[in-house]
PDB file of N, CA and C in Angstrom:
ATOM      1  N   UNK A   1      34.869  17.588  14.014  1.00  0.00           N
ATOM      2  CA  UNK A   1      35.662  18.741  14.313  1.00  0.00           C
ATOM      3  C   UNK A   1      35.144  19.918  13.488  1.00  0.00           C
ATOM      4  N   UNK A   2      34.964  21.048  14.099  1.00  0.00           N
ATOM      5  CA  UNK A   2      34.445  22.225  13.434  1.00  0.00           C
ATOM      6  C   UNK A   2      35.514  22.867  12.561  1.00  0.00           C
ATOM      7  N   UNK A   3      35.083  23.565  11.496  1.00  0.00           N
ATOM      8  CA  UNK A   3      36.031  24.200  10.601  1.00  0.00           C
ATOM      9  C   UNK A   3      36.868  25.252  11.318  1.00  0.00           C
ATOM     10  N   UNK A   4      36.323  25.851  12.355  1.00  0.00           N
ATOM     11  CA  UNK A   4      37.066  26.841  13.130  1.00  0.00           C
ATOM     12  C   UNK A   4      38.164  26.240  13.969  1.00  0.00           C
ATOM     13  N   UNK A   5      38.184  24.909  14.084  1.00  0.00           N
ATOM     14  CA  UNK A   5      39.190  24.233  14.892  1.00  0.00           C
ATOM     15  C   UNK A   5      40.509  24.027  14.157  1.00  0.00           C
ATOM     16  N   UNK A   6      40.596  24.436  12.890  1.00  0.00           N
ATOM     17  CA  UNK A   6      41.833  24.272  12.131  1.00  0.00           C
ATOM     18  C   UNK A   6      42.874  25.240  12.673  1.00  0.00           C
ATOM     19  N   UNK A   7      43.918  24.700  13.257  1.00  0.00           N
ATOM     20  CA  UNK A   7      45.010  25.547  13.738  1.00  0.00           C
ATOM     21  C   UNK A   7      45.925  25.883  12.568  1.00  0.00           C
ATOM     22  N   UNK A   8      46.771  26.876  12.721  1.00  0.00           N
ATOM     23  CA  UNK A   8      47.718  27.194  11.648  1.00  0.00           C
ATOM     24  C   UNK A   8      48.596  25.997  11.268  1.00  0.00           C
ATOM     25  N   UNK A   9      48.964  25.178  12.244  1.00  0.00           N
ATOM     26  CA  UNK A   9      49.795  24.001  11.968  1.00  0.00           C
ATOM     27  C   UNK A   9      49.040  22.988  11.103  1.00  0.00           C
ATOM     28  N   UNK A  10      47.763  22.803  11.393  1.00  0.00           N
ATOM     29  CA  UNK A  10      46.947  21.871  10.619  1.00  0.00           C
ATOM     30  C   UNK A  10      46.754  22.394   9.201  1.00  0.00           C
ATOM     31  N   UNK A  11      46.494  23.692   9.084  1.00  0.00           N
ATOM     32  CA  UNK A  11      46.311  24.293   7.770  1.00  0.00           C
ATOM     33  C   UNK A  11      47.583  24.195   6.938  1.00  0.00           C
ATOM     34  N   UNK A  12      48.725  24.421   7.562  1.00  0.00           N
ATOM     35  CA  UNK A  12      49.993  24.330   6.848  1.00  0.00           C
ATOM     36  C   UNK A  12      50.249  22.889   6.401  1.00  0.00           C
ATOM     37  N   UNK A  13      49.929  21.940   7.241  1.00  0.00           N
ATOM     38  CA  UNK A  13      50.095  20.532   6.872  1.00  0.00           C
ATOM     39  C   UNK A  13      49.199  20.202   5.683  1.00  0.00           C
ATOM     40  N   UNK A  14      47.963  20.681   5.685  1.00  0.00           N
ATOM     41  CA  UNK A  14      47.057  20.454   4.556  1.00  0.00           C
ATOM     42  C   UNK A  14      47.646  21.050   3.288  1.00  0.00           C
ATOM     43  N   UNK A  15      48.147  22.270   3.386  1.00  0.00           N
ATOM     44  CA  UNK A  15      48.750  22.938   2.232  1.00  0.00           C
ATOM     45  C   UNK A  15      49.911  22.107   1.673  1.00  0.00           C
ATOM     46  N   UNK A  16      50.744  21.571   2.557  1.00  0.00           N
ATOM     47  CA  UNK A  16      51.899  20.773   2.130  1.00  0.00           C
ATOM     48  C   UNK A  16      51.462  19.473   1.461  1.00  0.00           C
ATOM     49  N   UNK A  17      50.472  18.804   2.038  1.00  0.00           N
ATOM     50  CA  UNK A  17      49.991  17.546   1.450  1.00  0.00           C
ATOM     51  C   UNK A  17      49.388  17.778   0.068  1.00  0.00           C
ATOM     52  N   UNK A  18      48.583  18.822  -0.050  1.00  0.00           N
ATOM     53  CA  UNK A  18      47.953  19.108  -1.338  1.00  0.00           C
ATOM     54  C   UNK A  18      49.015  19.483  -2.376  1.00  0.00           C
ATOM     55  N   UNK A  19      50.020  20.227  -1.962  1.00  0.00           N
ATOM     56  CA  UNK A  19      51.095  20.614  -2.877  1.00  0.00           C
ATOM     57  C   UNK A  19      51.845  19.389  -3.406  1.00  0.00           C
ATOM     58  N   UNK A  20      51.868  18.331  -2.613  1.00  0.00           N
ATOM     59  CA  UNK A  20      52.521  17.090  -3.044  1.00  0.00           C
ATOM     60  C   UNK A  20      51.594  16.193  -3.850  1.00  0.00           C
ATOM     61  N   UNK A  21      50.369  16.656  -4.082  1.00  0.00           N
ATOM     62  CA  UNK A  21      49.433  15.893  -4.902  1.00  0.00           C
ATOM     63  C   UNK A  21      48.667  14.826  -4.148  1.00  0.00           C
ATOM     64  N   UNK A  22      48.673  14.900  -2.832  1.00  0.00           N
ATOM     65  CA  UNK A  22      47.949  13.928  -2.005  1.00  0.00           C
ATOM     66  C   UNK A  22      46.469  14.309  -1.980  1.00  0.00           C
ATOM     67  N   UNK A  23      45.595  13.326  -2.051  1.00  0.00           N
ATOM     68  CA  UNK A  23      44.158  13.592  -2.041  1.00  0.00           C
ATOM     69  C   UNK A  23      43.741  14.202  -0.698  1.00  0.00           C
ATOM     70  N   UNK A  24      42.605  14.863  -0.716  1.00  0.00           N
ATOM     71  CA  UNK A  24      42.107  15.468   0.520  1.00  0.00           C
ATOM     72  C   UNK A  24      41.731  14.397   1.537  1.00  0.00           C
ATOM     73  N   UNK A  25      41.244  13.260   1.069  1.00  0.00           N
ATOM     74  CA  UNK A  25      40.922  12.165   1.987  1.00  0.00           C
ATOM     75  C   UNK A  25      42.184  11.683   2.687  1.00  0.00           C
ATOM     76  N   UNK A  26      43.240  11.468   1.910  1.00  0.00           N
ATOM     77  CA  UNK A  26      44.505  10.995   2.482  1.00  0.00           C
ATOM     78  C   UNK A  26      45.130  12.075   3.362  1.00  0.00           C
ATOM     79  N   UNK A  27      45.035  13.333   2.939  1.00  0.00           N
ATOM     80  CA  UNK A  27      45.578  14.429   3.738  1.00  0.00           C
ATOM     81  C   UNK A  27      44.891  14.489   5.097  1.00  0.00           C
ATOM     82  N   UNK A  28      43.556  14.344   5.114  1.00  0.00           N
ATOM     83  CA  UNK A  28      42.836  14.344   6.390  1.00  0.00           C
ATOM     84  C   UNK A  28      43.310  13.190   7.260  1.00  0.00           C
ATOM     85  N   UNK A  29      43.482  12.008   6.657  1.00  0.00           N
ATOM     86  CA  UNK A  29      43.958  10.845   7.392  1.00  0.00           C
ATOM     87  C   UNK A  29      45.340  11.122   8.005  1.00  0.00           C
ATOM     88  N   UNK A  30      46.230  11.671   7.209  1.00  0.00           N
ATOM     89  CA  UNK A  30      47.596  11.950   7.677  1.00  0.00           C
ATOM     90  C   UNK A  30      47.612  13.019   8.768  1.00  0.00           C
ATOM     91  N   UNK A  31      46.819  14.057   8.598  1.00  0.00           N
ATOM     92  CA  UNK A  31      46.746  15.114   9.616  1.00  0.00           C
ATOM     93  C   UNK A  31      46.189  14.550  10.914  1.00  0.00           C
ATOM     94  N   UNK A  32      45.161  13.716  10.813  1.00  0.00           N
ATOM     95  CA  UNK A  32      44.589  13.092  12.011  1.00  0.00           C
ATOM     96  C   UNK A  32      45.618  12.233  12.721  1.00  0.00           C
ATOM     97  N   UNK A  33      46.397  11.456  11.971  1.00  0.00           N
ATOM     98  CA  UNK A  33      47.417  10.601  12.572  1.00  0.00           C
ATOM     99  C   UNK A  33      48.517  11.437  13.215  1.00  0.00           C
ATOM    100  N   UNK A  34      48.876  12.518  12.575  1.00  0.00           N
ATOM    101  CA  UNK A  34      49.984  13.363  13.044  1.00  0.00           C
ATOM    102  C   UNK A  34      49.611  14.204  14.261  1.00  0.00           C
ATOM    103  N   UNK A  35      48.386  14.740  14.263  1.00  0.00           N
ATOM    104  CA  UNK A  35      47.991  15.688  15.313  1.00  0.00           C
ATOM    105  C   UNK A  35      46.937  15.142  16.276  1.00  0.00           C
ATOM    106  N   UNK A  36      46.440  13.935  16.041  1.00  0.00           N
ATOM    107  CA  UNK A  36      45.415  13.378  16.920  1.00  0.00           C
ATOM    108  C   UNK A  36      44.070  14.069  16.765  1.00  0.00           C
ATOM    109  N   UNK A  37      43.781  14.515  15.549  1.00  0.00           N
ATOM    110  CA  UNK A  37      42.532  15.209  15.272  1.00  0.00           C
ATOM    111  C   UNK A  37      41.531  14.240  14.651  1.00  0.00           C
ATOM    112  N   UNK A  38      40.382  14.746  14.254  1.00  0.00           N
ATOM    113  CA  UNK A  38      39.348  13.888  13.654  1.00  0.00           C
ATOM    114  C   UNK A  38      38.713  14.580  12.455  1.00  0.00           C
ATOM    115  N   UNK A  39      39.541  15.150  11.582  1.00  0.00           N
ATOM    116  CA  UNK A  39      39.012  15.805  10.391  1.00  0.00           C
ATOM    117  C   UNK A  39      38.512  14.772   9.392  1.00  0.00           C
ATOM    118  N   UNK A  40      37.450  15.120   8.687  1.00  0.00           N
ATOM    119  CA  UNK A  40      36.926  14.267   7.626  1.00  0.00           C
ATOM    120  C   UNK A  40      37.449  14.769   6.286  1.00  0.00           C
ATOM    121  N   UNK A  41      37.226  13.967   5.261  1.00  0.00           N
ATOM    122  CA  UNK A  41      37.569  14.375   3.898  1.00  0.00           C
ATOM    123  C   UNK A  41      36.839  15.670   3.561  1.00  0.00           C
ATOM    124  N   UNK A  42      35.578  15.741   3.927  1.00  0.00           N
ATOM    125  CA  UNK A  42      34.783  16.935   3.638  1.00  0.00           C
ATOM    126  C   UNK A  42      35.335  18.167   4.355  1.00  0.00           C
ATOM    127  N   UNK A  43      35.784  17.999   5.583  1.00  0.00           N
ATOM    128  CA  UNK A  43      36.367  19.118   6.320  1.00  0.00           C
ATOM    129  C   UNK A  43      37.647  19.588   5.632  1.00  0.00           C
ATOM    130  N   UNK A  44      38.452  18.640   5.175  1.00  0.00           N
ATOM    131  CA  UNK A  44      39.687  18.997   4.476  1.00  0.00           C
ATOM    132  C   UNK A  44      39.378  19.699   3.157  1.00  0.00           C
ATOM    133  N   UNK A  45      38.373  19.206   2.438  1.00  0.00           N
ATOM    134  CA  UNK A  45      37.972  19.861   1.187  1.00  0.00           C
ATOM    135  C   UNK A  45      37.486  21.288   1.445  1.00  0.00           C
ATOM    136  N   UNK A  46      36.648  21.449   2.458  1.00  0.00           N
ATOM    137  CA  UNK A  46      36.133  22.775   2.791  1.00  0.00           C
ATOM    138  C   UNK A  46      37.238  23.727   3.193  1.00  0.00           C
ATOM    139  N   UNK A  47      38.155  23.228   4.012  1.00  0.00           N
ATOM    140  CA  UNK A  47      39.278  24.070   4.432  1.00  0.00           C
ATOM    141  C   UNK A  47      40.159  24.408   3.235  1.00  0.00           C
ATOM    142  N   UNK A  48      40.400  23.425   2.388  1.00  0.00           N
ATOM    143  CA  UNK A  48      41.197  23.667   1.193  1.00  0.00           C
ATOM    144  C   UNK A  48      40.567  24.720   0.297  1.00  0.00           C
ATOM    145  N   UNK A  49      39.255  24.667   0.169  1.00  0.00           N
ATOM    146  CA  UNK A  49      38.541  25.657  -0.639  1.00  0.00           C
ATOM    147  C   UNK A  49      38.696  27.048  -0.039  1.00  0.00           C
ATOM    148  N   UNK A  50      38.514  27.162   1.271  1.00  0.00           N
ATOM    149  CA  UNK A  50      38.656  28.459   1.931  1.00  0.00           C
ATOM    150  C   UNK A  50      40.082  28.986   1.855  1.00  0.00           C
ATOM    151  N   UNK A  51      41.067  28.084   1.783  1.00  0.00           N
ATOM    152  CA  UNK A  51      42.471  28.483   1.686  1.00  0.00           C
ATOM    153  C   UNK A  51      42.881  28.768   0.245  1.00  0.00           C
ATOM    154  N   UNK A  52      41.983  28.527  -0.710  1.00  0.00           N
ATOM    155  CA  UNK A  52      42.305  28.764  -2.104  1.00  0.00           C
ATOM    156  C   UNK A  52      43.089  27.633  -2.747  1.00  0.00           C
ATOM    157  N   UNK A  53      43.072  26.457  -2.125  1.00  0.00           N
ATOM    158  CA  UNK A  53      43.800  25.313  -2.666  1.00  0.00           C
ATOM    159  C   UNK A  53      43.007  24.599  -3.746  1.00  0.00           C
ATOM    160  N   UNK A  54      41.702  24.846  -3.791  1.00  0.00           N
ATOM    161  CA  UNK A  54      40.837  24.227  -4.793  1.00  0.00           C
ATOM    162  C   UNK A  54      40.376  25.333  -5.732  1.00  0.00           C
ATOM    163  N   UNK A  55      40.771  25.210  -6.989  1.00  0.00           N
ATOM    164  CA  UNK A  55      40.395  26.194  -7.987  1.00  0.00           C
ATOM    165  C   UNK A  55      39.362  25.551  -8.903  1.00  0.00           C
ATOM    166  N   UNK A  56      38.209  26.182  -9.062  1.00  0.00           N
ATOM    167  CA  UNK A  56      37.204  25.601  -9.951  1.00  0.00           C
ATOM    168  C   UNK A  56      37.769  25.466 -11.363  1.00  0.00           C
ATOM    169  N   UNK A  57      37.502  24.337 -11.977  1.00  0.00           N
ATOM    170  CA  UNK A  57      37.975  24.118 -13.329  1.00  0.00           C
ATOM    171  C   UNK A  57      36.991  24.741 -14.311  1.00  0.00           C
ATOM    172  N   UNK A  58      37.546  25.371 -15.330  1.00  0.00           N
ATOM    173  CA  UNK A  58      36.705  25.990 -16.354  1.00  0.00           C
ATOM    174  C   UNK A  58      36.034  24.898 -17.175  1.00  0.00           C
ATOM    175  N   UNK A  59      34.838  25.174 -17.595  1.00  0.00           N
ATOM    176  CA  UNK A  59      34.094  24.237 -18.433  1.00  0.00           C
ATOM    177  C   UNK A  59      34.576  24.411 -19.870  1.00  0.00           C
ATOM    178  N   UNK A  60      34.910  23.330 -20.511  1.00  0.00           N
ATOM    179  CA  UNK A  60      35.316  23.351 -21.912  1.00  0.00           C
ATOM    180  C   UNK A  60      34.052  23.472 -22.754  1.00  0.00           C
ATOM    181  N   UNK A  61      33.868  24.605 -23.437  1.00  0.00           N
ATOM    182  CA  UNK A  61      32.632  24.804 -24.199  1.00  0.00           C
ATOM    183  C   UNK A  61      32.398  23.723 -25.254  1.00  0.00           C
ATOM    184  N   UNK A  62      33.451  23.148 -25.789  1.00  0.00           N
ATOM    185  CA  UNK A  62      33.276  22.121 -26.817  1.00  0.00           C
ATOM    186  C   UNK A  62      32.723  20.824 -26.232  1.00  0.00           C
ATOM    187  N   UNK A  63      32.831  20.651 -24.915  1.00  0.00           N
ATOM    188  CA  UNK A  63      32.334  19.433 -24.272  1.00  0.00           C
ATOM    189  C   UNK A  63      31.020  19.659 -23.547  1.00  0.00           C
ATOM    190  N   UNK A  64      30.576  20.902 -23.476  1.00  0.00           N
ATOM    191  CA  UNK A  64      29.332  21.210 -22.765  1.00  0.00           C
ATOM    192  C   UNK A  64      28.148  20.627 -23.543  1.00  0.00           C
ATOM    193  N   UNK A  65      27.217  20.065 -22.800  1.00  0.00           N
ATOM    194  CA  UNK A  65      26.026  19.472 -23.417  1.00  0.00           C
ATOM    195  C   UNK A  65      24.909  20.505 -23.410  1.00  0.00           C
ATOM    196  N   UNK A  66      24.416  20.790 -24.577  1.00  0.00           N
ATOM    197  CA  UNK A  66      23.304  21.727 -24.701  1.00  0.00           C
ATOM    198  C   UNK A  66      22.081  20.973 -25.188  1.00  0.00           C
ATOM    199  N   UNK A  67      20.947  21.330 -24.661  1.00  0.00           N
ATOM    200  CA  UNK A  67      19.701  20.707 -25.107  1.00  0.00           C
ATOM    201  C   UNK A  67      18.749  21.790 -25.541  1.00  0.00           C
ATOM    202  N   UNK A  68      17.985  21.518 -26.521  1.00  0.00           N
ATOM    203  CA  UNK A  68      16.947  22.434 -26.965  1.00  0.00           C
ATOM    204  C   UNK A  68      15.635  22.019 -26.334  1.00  0.00           C
ATOM    205  N   UNK A  69      15.111  22.877 -25.516  1.00  0.00           N
ATOM    206  CA  UNK A  69      13.856  22.553 -24.848  1.00  0.00           C
ATOM    207  C   UNK A  69      12.705  23.268 -25.473  1.00  0.00           C
TER     208      UNK A  69
END
């Protein structure tokens, strides 16, 4: 299924699942069961990113590995 195929209902369902702490893999599974779609985990992740549901985590400088080359 193409990323452009996400209807507002599907996007809202993804938003609700993520808000409840459900993984993107499980959210895709649930959306597919509910709407008869065929979204993959990757499609759900991509859509979530475009919707702002995935926020990049900051790197903790104290844990960053530095090498001297």
